[in-house]
């Protein structure tokens, strides 16, 4: 059974930085396209960043140049480094596979990012 655990969220001021972590059990993340998603209050969950099984990455336009997705295959972890945070980045952030016709694994609890103005 796949279990995903997100961590690293916090309350930060606008312009600040955070690094989110995604730990997985029951699966080797390196075998999958993976993504960071977020869901803001009253909004649908959206894909923020995606990383392929190699080093290819893609970002939502709203975070390009500010966020960076990465993996540590040895640790079976994935990360999202966020800089220049804005209040509109406030959301619960989740990790899960991406670009997969089989859909998603069960969602973790997410990690809350709150950016104050």
PDB file of N, CA and C in Angstrom:
ATOM      1  N   UNK A   1       0.845  -1.191   0.000  1.00  0.00           N
ATOM      2  CA  UNK A   1       0.000   0.000   0.000  1.00  0.00           C
ATOM      3  C   UNK A   1       0.881   1.241   0.000  1.00  0.00           C
ATOM      4  N   UNK A   2       0.558   2.163  -0.890  1.00  0.00           N
ATOM      5  CA  UNK A   2       1.340   3.388  -1.010  1.00  0.00           C
ATOM      6  C   UNK A   2       0.878   4.386   0.037  1.00  0.00           C
ATOM      7  N   UNK A   3       1.845   4.961   0.724  1.00  0.00           N
ATOM      8  CA  UNK A   3       1.547   6.016   1.686  1.00  0.00           C
ATOM      9  C   UNK A   3       2.438   7.212   1.382  1.00  0.00           C
ATOM     10  N   UNK A   4       1.827   8.373   1.284  1.00  0.00           N
ATOM     11  CA  UNK A   4       2.537   9.615   1.004  1.00  0.00           C
ATOM     12  C   UNK A   4       2.386  10.535   2.208  1.00  0.00           C
ATOM     13  N   UNK A   5       3.482  11.115   2.635  1.00  0.00           N
ATOM     14  CA  UNK A   5       3.459  12.020   3.788  1.00  0.00           C
ATOM     15  C   UNK A   5       4.163  13.312   3.402  1.00  0.00           C
ATOM     16  N   UNK A   6       3.402  14.389   3.420  1.00  0.00           N
ATOM     17  CA  UNK A   6       3.947  15.702   3.103  1.00  0.00           C
ATOM     18  C   UNK A   6       4.283  16.445   4.391  1.00  0.00           C
ATOM     19  N   UNK A   7       5.308  17.258   4.330  1.00  0.00           N
ATOM     20  CA  UNK A   7       5.705  18.045   5.495  1.00  0.00           C
ATOM     21  C   UNK A   7       6.428  19.303   5.043  1.00  0.00           C
ATOM     22  N   UNK A   8       6.625  20.200   5.981  1.00  0.00           N
ATOM     23  CA  UNK A   8       7.399  21.408   5.701  1.00  0.00           C
ATOM     24  C   UNK A   8       6.577  22.668   5.582  1.00  0.00           C
ATOM     25  N   UNK A   9       5.265  22.541   5.570  1.00  0.00           N
ATOM     26  CA  UNK A   9       4.437  23.727   5.473  1.00  0.00           C
ATOM     27  C   UNK A   9       4.518  24.564   6.740  1.00  0.00           C
ATOM     28  N   UNK A  10       4.225  25.839   6.583  1.00  0.00           N
ATOM     29  CA  UNK A  10       4.333  26.757   7.726  1.00  0.00           C
ATOM     30  C   UNK A  10       3.638  28.063   7.381  1.00  0.00           C
ATOM     31  N   UNK A  11       3.617  28.942   8.358  1.00  0.00           N
ATOM     32  CA  UNK A  11       3.140  30.302   8.155  1.00  0.00           C
ATOM     33  C   UNK A  11       4.362  31.179   7.887  1.00  0.00           C
ATOM     34  N   UNK A  12       4.361  31.833   6.725  1.00  0.00           N
ATOM     35  CA  UNK A  12       5.491  32.704   6.373  1.00  0.00           C
ATOM     36  C   UNK A  12       4.967  34.025   5.855  1.00  0.00           C
ATOM     37  N   UNK A  13       5.820  35.020   5.900  1.00  0.00           N
ATOM     38  CA  UNK A  13       5.450  36.315   5.332  1.00  0.00           C
ATOM     39  C   UNK A  13       5.681  36.305   3.828  1.00  0.00           C
ATOM     40  N   UNK A  14       4.957  37.157   3.142  1.00  0.00           N
ATOM     41  CA  UNK A  14       5.166  37.296   1.705  1.00  0.00           C
ATOM     42  C   UNK A  14       6.633  37.595   1.422  1.00  0.00           C
ATOM     43  N   UNK A  15       7.150  36.956   0.400  1.00  0.00           N
ATOM     44  CA  UNK A  15       8.564  37.100   0.060  1.00  0.00           C
ATOM     45  C   UNK A  15       9.444  36.044   0.677  1.00  0.00           C
ATOM     46  N   UNK A  16       8.893  35.277   1.584  1.00  0.00           N
ATOM     47  CA  UNK A  16       9.661  34.249   2.263  1.00  0.00           C
ATOM     48  C   UNK A  16       9.804  32.985   1.446  1.00  0.00           C
ATOM     49  N   UNK A  17      10.479  32.020   2.050  1.00  0.00           N
ATOM     50  CA  UNK A  17      10.752  30.744   1.389  1.00  0.00           C
ATOM     51  C   UNK A  17      10.361  29.579   2.285  1.00  0.00           C
ATOM     52  N   UNK A  18      10.040  28.476   1.651  1.00  0.00           N
ATOM     53  CA  UNK A  18       9.763  27.218   2.351  1.00  0.00           C
ATOM     54  C   UNK A  18      10.233  26.079   1.475  1.00  0.00           C
ATOM     55  N   UNK A  19      10.565  24.968   2.119  1.00  0.00           N
ATOM     56  CA  UNK A  19      10.875  23.750   1.379  1.00  0.00           C
ATOM     57  C   UNK A  19       9.971  22.647   1.884  1.00  0.00           C
ATOM     58  N   UNK A  20       9.165  22.130   0.985  1.00  0.00           N
ATOM     59  CA  UNK A  20       8.256  21.039   1.309  1.00  0.00           C
ATOM     60  C   UNK A  20       8.923  19.705   0.983  1.00  0.00           C
ATOM     61  N   UNK A  21       8.564  18.693   1.755  1.00  0.00           N
ATOM     62  CA  UNK A  21       9.093  17.355   1.539  1.00  0.00           C
ATOM     63  C   UNK A  21       7.953  16.367   1.367  1.00  0.00           C
ATOM     64  N   UNK A  22       8.209  15.351   0.569  1.00  0.00           N
ATOM     65  CA  UNK A  22       7.258  14.270   0.351  1.00  0.00           C
ATOM     66  C   UNK A  22       7.997  12.958   0.577  1.00  0.00           C
ATOM     67  N   UNK A  23       7.542  12.223   1.559  1.00  0.00           N
ATOM     68  CA  UNK A  23       8.120  10.920   1.850  1.00  0.00           C
ATOM     69  C   UNK A  23       7.130   9.845   1.432  1.00  0.00           C
ATOM     70  N   UNK A  24       7.648   8.802   0.831  1.00  0.00           N
ATOM     71  CA  UNK A  24       6.782   7.739   0.338  1.00  0.00           C
ATOM     72  C   UNK A  24       7.193   6.396   0.910  1.00  0.00           C
ATOM     73  N   UNK A  25       6.206   5.565   1.142  1.00  0.00           N
ATOM     74  CA  UNK A  25       6.448   4.176   1.509  1.00  0.00           C
ATOM     75  C   UNK A  25       5.576   3.303   0.619  1.00  0.00           C
ATOM     76  N   UNK A  26       6.063   2.121   0.345  1.00  0.00           N
ATOM     77  CA  UNK A  26       5.307   1.192  -0.488  1.00  0.00           C
ATOM     78  C   UNK A  26       5.480   1.396  -1.977  1.00  0.00           C
ATOM     79  N   UNK A  27       6.349   2.327  -2.353  1.00  0.00           N
ATOM     80  CA  UNK A  27       6.569   2.605  -3.768  1.00  0.00           C
ATOM     81  C   UNK A  27       7.906   3.293  -3.949  1.00  0.00           C
ATOM     82  N   UNK A  28       8.538   3.067  -5.084  1.00  0.00           N
ATOM     83  CA  UNK A  28       9.765   3.773  -5.427  1.00  0.00           C
ATOM     84  C   UNK A  28       9.374   4.971  -6.276  1.00  0.00           C
ATOM     85  N   UNK A  29       9.503   6.161  -5.703  1.00  0.00           N
ATOM     86  CA  UNK A  29       9.092   7.372  -6.419  1.00  0.00           C
ATOM     87  C   UNK A  29       9.856   7.552  -7.719  1.00  0.00           C
ATOM     88  N   UNK A  30      11.072   7.063  -7.772  1.00  0.00           N
ATOM     89  CA  UNK A  30      11.911   7.270  -8.952  1.00  0.00           C
ATOM     90  C   UNK A  30      11.330   6.625 -10.203  1.00  0.00           C
ATOM     91  N   UNK A  31      10.399   5.707 -10.040  1.00  0.00           N
ATOM     92  CA  UNK A  31       9.810   5.011 -11.186  1.00  0.00           C
ATOM     93  C   UNK A  31       8.635   5.755 -11.800  1.00  0.00           C
ATOM     94  N   UNK A  32       8.257   6.854 -11.188  1.00  0.00           N
ATOM     95  CA  UNK A  32       7.038   7.552 -11.605  1.00  0.00           C
ATOM     96  C   UNK A  32       7.278   9.029 -11.879  1.00  0.00           C
ATOM     97  N   UNK A  33       6.489   9.553 -12.833  1.00  0.00           N
ATOM     98  CA  UNK A  33       6.350  10.999 -12.898  1.00  0.00           C
ATOM     99  C   UNK A  33       5.639  11.402 -11.605  1.00  0.00           C
ATOM    100  N   UNK A  34       6.153  12.444 -10.981  1.00  0.00           N
ATOM    101  CA  UNK A  34       5.586  12.883  -9.715  1.00  0.00           C
ATOM    102  C   UNK A  34       5.235  14.371  -9.780  1.00  0.00           C
ATOM    103  N   UNK A  35       4.289  14.744  -8.950  1.00  0.00           N
ATOM    104  CA  UNK A  35       3.885  16.137  -8.955  1.00  0.00           C
ATOM    105  C   UNK A  35       3.590  16.665  -7.563  1.00  0.00           C
ATOM    106  N   UNK A  36       3.693  17.964  -7.450  1.00  0.00           N
ATOM    107  CA  UNK A  36       3.195  18.685  -6.281  1.00  0.00           C
ATOM    108  C   UNK A  36       1.896  19.369  -6.702  1.00  0.00           C
ATOM    109  N   UNK A  37       0.900  19.212  -5.883  1.00  0.00           N
ATOM    110  CA  UNK A  37      -0.416  19.788  -6.117  1.00  0.00           C
ATOM    111  C   UNK A  37      -0.764  20.691  -4.929  1.00  0.00           C
ATOM    112  N   UNK A  38      -1.717  21.575  -5.156  1.00  0.00           N
ATOM    113  CA  UNK A  38      -2.193  22.387  -4.037  1.00  0.00           C
ATOM    114  C   UNK A  38      -3.686  22.617  -4.178  1.00  0.00           C
ATOM    115  N   UNK A  39      -4.297  22.822  -3.026  1.00  0.00           N
ATOM    116  CA  UNK A  39      -5.721  23.128  -3.014  1.00  0.00           C
ATOM    117  C   UNK A  39      -5.951  24.271  -2.038  1.00  0.00           C
ATOM    118  N   UNK A  40      -6.402  25.370  -2.580  1.00  0.00           N
ATOM    119  CA  UNK A  40      -6.734  26.532  -1.773  1.00  0.00           C
ATOM    120  C   UNK A  40      -8.202  26.446  -1.371  1.00  0.00           C
ATOM    121  N   UNK A  41      -8.581  27.117  -0.309  1.00  0.00           N
ATOM    122  CA  UNK A  41      -9.972  27.069   0.135  1.00  0.00           C
ATOM    123  C   UNK A  41     -10.933  27.466  -0.976  1.00  0.00           C
ATOM    124  N   UNK A  42     -11.938  26.630  -1.187  1.00  0.00           N
ATOM    125  CA  UNK A  42     -12.946  26.923  -2.191  1.00  0.00           C
ATOM    126  C   UNK A  42     -12.515  26.700  -3.620  1.00  0.00           C
ATOM    127  N   UNK A  43     -11.329  26.154  -3.807  1.00  0.00           N
ATOM    128  CA  UNK A  43     -10.821  25.933  -5.165  1.00  0.00           C
ATOM    129  C   UNK A  43     -10.513  24.456  -5.386  1.00  0.00           C
ATOM    130  N   UNK A  44     -10.407  24.102  -6.659  1.00  0.00           N
ATOM    131  CA  UNK A  44     -10.049  22.736  -6.984  1.00  0.00           C
ATOM    132  C   UNK A  44      -8.551  22.518  -6.805  1.00  0.00           C
ATOM    133  N   UNK A  45      -8.198  21.275  -6.587  1.00  0.00           N
ATOM    134  CA  UNK A  45      -6.789  20.923  -6.494  1.00  0.00           C
ATOM    135  C   UNK A  45      -6.147  21.153  -7.862  1.00  0.00           C
ATOM    136  N   UNK A  46      -4.941  21.723  -7.855  1.00  0.00           N
ATOM    137  CA  UNK A  46      -4.255  22.006  -9.102  1.00  0.00           C
ATOM    138  C   UNK A  46      -2.814  21.530  -9.039  1.00  0.00           C
ATOM    139  N   UNK A  47      -2.282  21.197 -10.213  1.00  0.00           N
ATOM    140  CA  UNK A  47      -0.890  20.776 -10.318  1.00  0.00           C
ATOM    141  C   UNK A  47      -0.001  22.006 -10.326  1.00  0.00           C
ATOM    142  N   UNK A  48       0.997  21.992  -9.473  1.00  0.00           N
ATOM    143  CA  UNK A  48       1.908  23.127  -9.349  1.00  0.00           C
ATOM    144  C   UNK A  48       3.220  22.861 -10.075  1.00  0.00           C
ATOM    145  N   UNK A  49       3.736  21.651  -9.907  1.00  0.00           N
ATOM    146  CA  UNK A  49       5.025  21.305 -10.505  1.00  0.00           C
ATOM    147  C   UNK A  49       5.066  19.805 -10.740  1.00  0.00           C
ATOM    148  N   UNK A  50       5.830  19.420 -11.739  1.00  0.00           N
ATOM    149  CA  UNK A  50       5.900  18.021 -12.118  1.00  0.00           C
ATOM    150  C   UNK A  50       7.339  17.666 -12.452  1.00  0.00           C
ATOM    151  N   UNK A  51       7.742  16.462 -12.097  1.00  0.00           N
ATOM    152  CA  UNK A  51       9.091  16.001 -12.418  1.00  0.00           C
ATOM    153  C   UNK A  51       8.995  14.625 -13.049  1.00  0.00           C
ATOM    154  N   UNK A  52       9.746  14.437 -14.122  1.00  0.00           N
ATOM    155  CA  UNK A  52       9.748  13.156 -14.802  1.00  0.00           C
ATOM    156  C   UNK A  52      10.614  12.141 -14.089  1.00  0.00           C
ATOM    157  N   UNK A  53      10.763  10.994 -14.709  1.00  0.00           N
ATOM    158  CA  UNK A  53      11.580   9.957 -14.096  1.00  0.00           C
ATOM    159  C   UNK A  53      13.077  10.286 -14.214  1.00  0.00           C
ATOM    160  N   UNK A  54      13.387  11.245 -15.079  1.00  0.00           N
ATOM    161  CA  UNK A  54      14.759  11.731 -15.151  1.00  0.00           C
ATOM    162  C   UNK A  54      14.852  13.040 -14.411  1.00  0.00           C
ATOM    163  N   UNK A  55      15.257  14.064 -15.119  1.00  0.00           N
ATOM    164  CA  UNK A  55      15.399  15.375 -14.478  1.00  0.00           C
ATOM    165  C   UNK A  55      14.478  16.427 -15.071  1.00  0.00           C
ATOM    166  N   UNK A  56      13.621  16.034 -16.002  1.00  0.00           N
ATOM    167  CA  UNK A  56      12.745  17.019 -16.626  1.00  0.00           C
ATOM    168  C   UNK A  56      11.726  17.528 -15.626  1.00  0.00           C
ATOM    169  N   UNK A  57      11.479  18.813 -15.681  1.00  0.00           N
ATOM    170  CA  UNK A  57      10.518  19.438 -14.784  1.00  0.00           C
ATOM    171  C   UNK A  57       9.598  20.374 -15.552  1.00  0.00           C
ATOM    172  N   UNK A  58       8.419  20.578 -15.017  1.00  0.00           N
ATOM    173  CA  UNK A  58       7.467  21.532 -15.575  1.00  0.00           C
ATOM    174  C   UNK A  58       6.771  22.228 -14.422  1.00  0.00           C
ATOM    175  N   UNK A  59       6.380  23.475 -14.682  1.00  0.00           N
ATOM    176  CA  UNK A  59       5.769  24.274 -13.632  1.00  0.00           C
ATOM    177  C   UNK A  59       4.539  24.996 -14.146  1.00  0.00           C
ATOM    178  N   UNK A  60       3.615  25.223 -13.238  1.00  0.00           N
ATOM    179  CA  UNK A  60       2.504  26.109 -13.563  1.00  0.00           C
ATOM    180  C   UNK A  60       3.079  27.505 -13.793  1.00  0.00           C
ATOM    181  N   UNK A  61       2.472  28.238 -14.709  1.00  0.00           N
ATOM    182  CA  UNK A  61       2.985  29.571 -15.034  1.00  0.00           C
ATOM    183  C   UNK A  61       3.101  30.455 -13.799  1.00  0.00           C
ATOM    184  N   UNK A  62       2.185  30.284 -12.886  1.00  0.00           N
ATOM    185  CA  UNK A  62       2.152  31.161 -11.722  1.00  0.00           C
ATOM    186  C   UNK A  62       3.331  30.975 -10.771  1.00  0.00           C
ATOM    187  N   UNK A  63       4.056  29.859 -10.901  1.00  0.00           N
ATOM    188  CA  UNK A  63       5.165  29.591  -9.975  1.00  0.00           C
ATOM    189  C   UNK A  63       6.512  29.495 -10.686  1.00  0.00           C
ATOM    190  N   UNK A  64       6.504  29.603 -11.994  1.00  0.00           N
ATOM    191  CA  UNK A  64       7.774  29.500 -12.732  1.00  0.00           C
ATOM    192  C   UNK A  64       8.776  30.528 -12.239  1.00  0.00           C
ATOM    193  N   UNK A  65       9.988  30.070 -12.048  1.00  0.00           N
ATOM    194  CA  UNK A  65      11.050  30.964 -11.591  1.00  0.00           C
ATOM    195  C   UNK A  65      11.099  31.140 -10.089  1.00  0.00           C
ATOM    196  N   UNK A  66      10.080  30.669  -9.382  1.00  0.00           N
ATOM    197  CA  UNK A  66      10.038  30.810  -7.922  1.00  0.00           C
ATOM    198  C   UNK A  66      10.069  29.466  -7.206  1.00  0.00           C
ATOM    199  N   UNK A  67       9.515  28.442  -7.826  1.00  0.00           N
ATOM    200  CA  UNK A  67       9.446  27.119  -7.212  1.00  0.00           C
ATOM    201  C   UNK A  67      10.376  26.170  -7.965  1.00  0.00           C
ATOM    202  N   UNK A  68      10.904  25.186  -7.236  1.00  0.00           N
ATOM    203  CA  UNK A  68      11.751  24.174  -7.860  1.00  0.00           C
ATOM    204  C   UNK A  68      11.423  22.812  -7.273  1.00  0.00           C
ATOM    205  N   UNK A  69      11.104  21.880  -8.147  1.00  0.00           N
ATOM    206  CA  UNK A  69      10.789  20.513  -7.730  1.00  0.00           C
ATOM    207  C   UNK A  69      12.036  19.655  -7.915  1.00  0.00           C
ATOM    208  N   UNK A  70      12.257  18.726  -6.996  1.00  0.00           N
ATOM    209  CA  UNK A  70      13.432  17.866  -7.094  1.00  0.00           C
ATOM    210  C   UNK A  70      13.148  16.545  -6.394  1.00  0.00           C
ATOM    211  N   UNK A  71      14.048  15.595  -6.640  1.00  0.00           N
ATOM    212  CA  UNK A  71      13.935  14.284  -6.010  1.00  0.00           C
ATOM    213  C   UNK A  71      15.253  13.913  -5.351  1.00  0.00           C
ATOM    214  N   UNK A  72      15.168  13.031  -4.382  1.00  0.00           N
ATOM    215  CA  UNK A  72      16.348  12.337  -3.877  1.00  0.00           C
ATOM    216  C   UNK A  72      15.992  10.855  -3.932  1.00  0.00           C
ATOM    217  N   UNK A  73      16.408  10.210  -4.993  1.00  0.00           N
ATOM    218  CA  UNK A  73      16.006   8.820  -5.196  1.00  0.00           C
ATOM    219  C   UNK A  73      16.559   7.895  -4.120  1.00  0.00           C
ATOM    220  N   UNK A  74      17.726   8.207  -3.619  1.00  0.00           N
ATOM    221  CA  UNK A  74      18.314   7.369  -2.578  1.00  0.00           C
ATOM    222  C   UNK A  74      17.467   7.377  -1.304  1.00  0.00           C
ATOM    223  N   UNK A  75      16.850   8.530  -1.050  1.00  0.00           N
ATOM    224  CA  UNK A  75      16.018   8.663   0.155  1.00  0.00           C
ATOM    225  C   UNK A  75      14.543   8.416  -0.136  1.00  0.00           C
ATOM    226  N   UNK A  76      14.231   8.216  -1.413  1.00  0.00           N
ATOM    227  CA  UNK A  76      12.826   8.035  -1.828  1.00  0.00           C
ATOM    228  C   UNK A  76      11.978   9.238  -1.398  1.00  0.00           C
ATOM    229  N   UNK A  77      12.510  10.419  -1.654  1.00  0.00           N
ATOM    230  CA  UNK A  77      11.866  11.661  -1.256  1.00  0.00           C
ATOM    231  C   UNK A  77      11.707  12.580  -2.458  1.00  0.00           C
ATOM    232  N   UNK A  78      10.781  13.475  -2.333  1.00  0.00           N
ATOM    233  CA  UNK A  78      10.602  14.530  -3.320  1.00  0.00           C
ATOM    234  C   UNK A  78      10.453  15.843  -2.566  1.00  0.00           C
ATOM    235  N   UNK A  79      10.865  16.929  -3.227  1.00  0.00           N
ATOM    236  CA  UNK A  79      10.859  18.223  -2.556  1.00  0.00           C
ATOM    237  C   UNK A  79      10.251  19.298  -3.433  1.00  0.00           C
ATOM    238  N   UNK A  80       9.802  20.357  -2.786  1.00  0.00           N
ATOM    239  CA  UNK A  80       9.385  21.556  -3.507  1.00  0.00           C
ATOM    240  C   UNK A  80       9.976  22.746  -2.764  1.00  0.00           C
ATOM    241  N   UNK A  81      10.967  23.360  -3.381  1.00  0.00           N
ATOM    242  CA  UNK A  81      11.558  24.570  -2.826  1.00  0.00           C
ATOM    243  C   UNK A  81      10.771  25.756  -3.352  1.00  0.00           C
ATOM    244  N   UNK A  82      10.281  26.571  -2.441  1.00  0.00           N
ATOM    245  CA  UNK A  82       9.445  27.710  -2.824  1.00  0.00           C
ATOM    246  C   UNK A  82      10.096  29.001  -2.345  1.00  0.00           C
ATOM    247  N   UNK A  83      10.279  29.916  -3.270  1.00  0.00           N
ATOM    248  CA  UNK A  83      10.835  31.231  -2.956  1.00  0.00           C
ATOM    249  C   UNK A  83       9.834  32.318  -3.342  1.00  0.00           C
ATOM    250  N   UNK A  84      10.085  33.510  -2.808  1.00  0.00           N
ATOM    251  CA  UNK A  84       9.260  34.673  -3.151  1.00  0.00           C
ATOM    252  C   UNK A  84       7.774  34.346  -3.012  1.00  0.00           C
ATOM    253  N   UNK A  85       7.433  33.769  -1.902  1.00  0.00           N
ATOM    254  CA  UNK A  85       6.049  33.335  -1.707  1.00  0.00           C
ATOM    255  C   UNK A  85       5.092  34.522  -1.675  1.00  0.00           C
ATOM    256  N   UNK A  86       3.904  34.267  -2.180  1.00  0.00           N
ATOM    257  CA  UNK A  86       2.861  35.280  -2.255  1.00  0.00           C
ATOM    258  C   UNK A  86       1.630  34.797  -1.498  1.00  0.00           C
ATOM    259  N   UNK A  87       0.800  35.709  -1.031  1.00  0.00           N
ATOM    260  CA  UNK A  87      -0.420  35.284  -0.327  1.00  0.00           C
ATOM    261  C   UNK A  87      -1.270  34.303  -1.142  1.00  0.00           C
ATOM    262  N   UNK A  88      -1.265  34.454  -2.455  1.00  0.00           N
ATOM    263  CA  UNK A  88      -2.067  33.551  -3.285  1.00  0.00           C
ATOM    264  C   UNK A  88      -1.480  32.134  -3.357  1.00  0.00           C
ATOM    265  N   UNK A  89      -0.305  31.939  -2.805  1.00  0.00           N
ATOM    266  CA  UNK A  89       0.254  30.592  -2.719  1.00  0.00           C
ATOM    267  C   UNK A  89      -0.274  29.829  -1.504  1.00  0.00           C
ATOM    268  N   UNK A  90      -1.070  30.490  -0.699  1.00  0.00           N
ATOM    269  CA  UNK A  90      -1.648  29.840   0.471  1.00  0.00           C
ATOM    270  C   UNK A  90      -2.548  28.695   0.046  1.00  0.00           C
ATOM    271  N   UNK A  91      -2.277  27.516   0.568  1.00  0.00           N
ATOM    272  CA  UNK A  91      -3.023  26.317   0.191  1.00  0.00           C
ATOM    273  C   UNK A  91      -2.488  25.135   0.990  1.00  0.00           C
ATOM    274  N   UNK A  92      -3.195  24.028   0.879  1.00  0.00           N
ATOM    275  CA  UNK A  92      -2.655  22.752   1.345  1.00  0.00           C
ATOM    276  C   UNK A  92      -1.952  22.118   0.156  1.00  0.00           C
ATOM    277  N   UNK A  93      -0.711  21.722   0.364  1.00  0.00           N
ATOM    278  CA  UNK A  93       0.104  21.153  -0.704  1.00  0.00           C
ATOM    279  C   UNK A  93       0.206  19.638  -0.527  1.00  0.00           C
ATOM    280  N   UNK A  94       0.073  18.944  -1.640  1.00  0.00           N
ATOM    281  CA  UNK A  94       0.092  17.495  -1.667  1.00  0.00           C
ATOM    282  C   UNK A  94       1.087  17.001  -2.720  1.00  0.00           C
ATOM    283  N   UNK A  95       1.571  15.793  -2.523  1.00  0.00           N
ATOM    284  CA  UNK A  95       2.363  15.143  -3.563  1.00  0.00           C
ATOM    285  C   UNK A  95       1.607  13.899  -4.020  1.00  0.00           C
ATOM    286  N   UNK A  96       1.829  13.541  -5.272  1.00  0.00           N
ATOM    287  CA  UNK A  96       1.215  12.355  -5.837  1.00  0.00           C
ATOM    288  C   UNK A  96       1.831  12.129  -7.194  1.00  0.00           C
ATOM    289  N   UNK A  97       1.517  11.019  -7.821  1.00  0.00           N
ATOM    290  CA  UNK A  97       2.053  10.796  -9.157  1.00  0.00           C
ATOM    291  C   UNK A  97       1.347  11.696 -10.150  1.00  0.00           C
ATOM    292  N   UNK A  98       1.983  11.859 -11.268  1.00  0.00           N
ATOM    293  CA  UNK A  98       1.464  12.754 -12.291  1.00  0.00           C
ATOM    294  C   UNK A  98       1.585  12.060 -13.646  1.00  0.00           C
ATOM    295  N   UNK A  99       0.763  12.531 -14.594  1.00  0.00           N
ATOM    296  CA  UNK A  99       0.823  11.998 -15.967  1.00  0.00           C
ATOM    297  C   UNK A  99       0.652  10.490 -15.996  1.00  0.00           C
ATOM    298  N   UNK A 100      -0.189   9.959 -15.157  1.00  0.00           N
ATOM    299  CA  UNK A 100      -0.339   8.518 -15.082  1.00  0.00           C
ATOM    300  C   UNK A 100      -1.792   8.137 -15.340  1.00  0.00           C
ATOM    301  N   UNK A 101      -2.007   7.326 -16.386  1.00  0.00           N
ATOM    302  CA  UNK A 101      -3.370   6.932 -16.751  1.00  0.00           C
ATOM    303  C   UNK A 101      -4.047   6.117 -15.655  1.00  0.00           C
ATOM    304  N   UNK A 102      -3.265   5.579 -14.742  1.00  0.00           N
ATOM    305  CA  UNK A 102      -3.850   4.806 -13.647  1.00  0.00           C
ATOM    306  C   UNK A 102      -4.394   5.700 -12.545  1.00  0.00           C
ATOM    307  N   UNK A 103      -4.187   6.998 -12.702  1.00  0.00           N
ATOM    308  CA  UNK A 103      -4.734   7.930 -11.733  1.00  0.00           C
ATOM    309  C   UNK A 103      -3.788   8.172 -10.582  1.00  0.00           C
ATOM    310  N   UNK A 104      -4.347   8.485  -9.436  1.00  0.00           N
ATOM    311  CA  UNK A 104      -3.560   8.873  -8.280  1.00  0.00           C
ATOM    312  C   UNK A 104      -3.554   7.779  -7.223  1.00  0.00           C
ATOM    313  N   UNK A 105      -2.474   7.792  -6.432  1.00  0.00           N
ATOM    314  CA  UNK A 105      -2.506   7.013  -5.206  1.00  0.00           C
ATOM    315  C   UNK A 105      -3.395   7.730  -4.193  1.00  0.00           C
ATOM    316  N   UNK A 106      -3.675   7.080  -3.099  1.00  0.00           N
ATOM    317  CA  UNK A 106      -4.455   7.744  -2.040  1.00  0.00           C
ATOM    318  C   UNK A 106      -3.719   9.008  -1.603  1.00  0.00           C
ATOM    319  N   UNK A 107      -4.451  10.075  -1.446  1.00  0.00           N
ATOM    320  CA  UNK A 107      -3.846  11.347  -1.066  1.00  0.00           C
ATOM    321  C   UNK A 107      -3.430  11.327   0.401  1.00  0.00           C
ATOM    322  N   UNK A 108      -2.293  11.947   0.651  1.00  0.00           N
ATOM    323  CA  UNK A 108      -1.856  12.124   2.024  1.00  0.00           C
ATOM    324  C   UNK A 108      -2.642  13.238   2.698  1.00  0.00           C
ATOM    325  N   UNK A 109      -2.188  13.627   3.869  1.00  0.00           N
ATOM    326  CA  UNK A 109      -2.900  14.665   4.606  1.00  0.00           C
ATOM    327  C   UNK A 109      -2.540  16.066   4.107  1.00  0.00           C
ATOM    328  N   UNK A 110      -1.487  16.144   3.336  1.00  0.00           N
ATOM    329  CA  UNK A 110      -1.049  17.440   2.838  1.00  0.00           C
ATOM    330  C   UNK A 110      -0.322  18.231   3.909  1.00  0.00           C
ATOM    331  N   UNK A 111       0.242  19.344   3.481  1.00  0.00           N
ATOM    332  CA  UNK A 111       0.926  20.236   4.411  1.00  0.00           C
ATOM    333  C   UNK A 111       0.466  21.662   4.119  1.00  0.00           C
ATOM    334  N   UNK A 112       0.091  22.370   5.165  1.00  0.00           N
ATOM    335  CA  UNK A 112      -0.490  23.700   5.015  1.00  0.00           C
ATOM    336  C   UNK A 112       0.595  24.753   4.846  1.00  0.00           C
ATOM    337  N   UNK A 113       0.465  25.512   3.779  1.00  0.00           N
ATOM    338  CA  UNK A 113       1.315  26.678   3.547  1.00  0.00           C
ATOM    339  C   UNK A 113       0.431  27.907   3.634  1.00  0.00           C
ATOM    340  N   UNK A 114       0.788  28.799   4.517  1.00  0.00           N
ATOM    341  CA  UNK A 114       0.046  30.042   4.672  1.00  0.00           C
ATOM    342  C   UNK A 114       1.018  31.203   4.516  1.00  0.00           C
ATOM    343  N   UNK A 115       0.704  32.084   3.581  1.00  0.00           N
ATOM    344  CA  UNK A 115       1.564  33.230   3.307  1.00  0.00           C
ATOM    345  C   UNK A 115       0.808  34.496   3.682  1.00  0.00           C
ATOM    346  N   UNK A 116       1.341  35.216   4.626  1.00  0.00           N
ATOM    347  CA  UNK A 116       0.690  36.441   5.084  1.00  0.00           C
ATOM    348  C   UNK A 116       1.232  37.640   4.315  1.00  0.00           C
ATOM    349  N   UNK A 117       0.370  38.612   4.128  1.00  0.00           N
ATOM    350  CA  UNK A 117       0.781  39.811   3.370  1.00  0.00           C
ATOM    351  C   UNK A 117       1.376  40.865   4.286  1.00  0.00           C
TER     352      UNK A 117
END
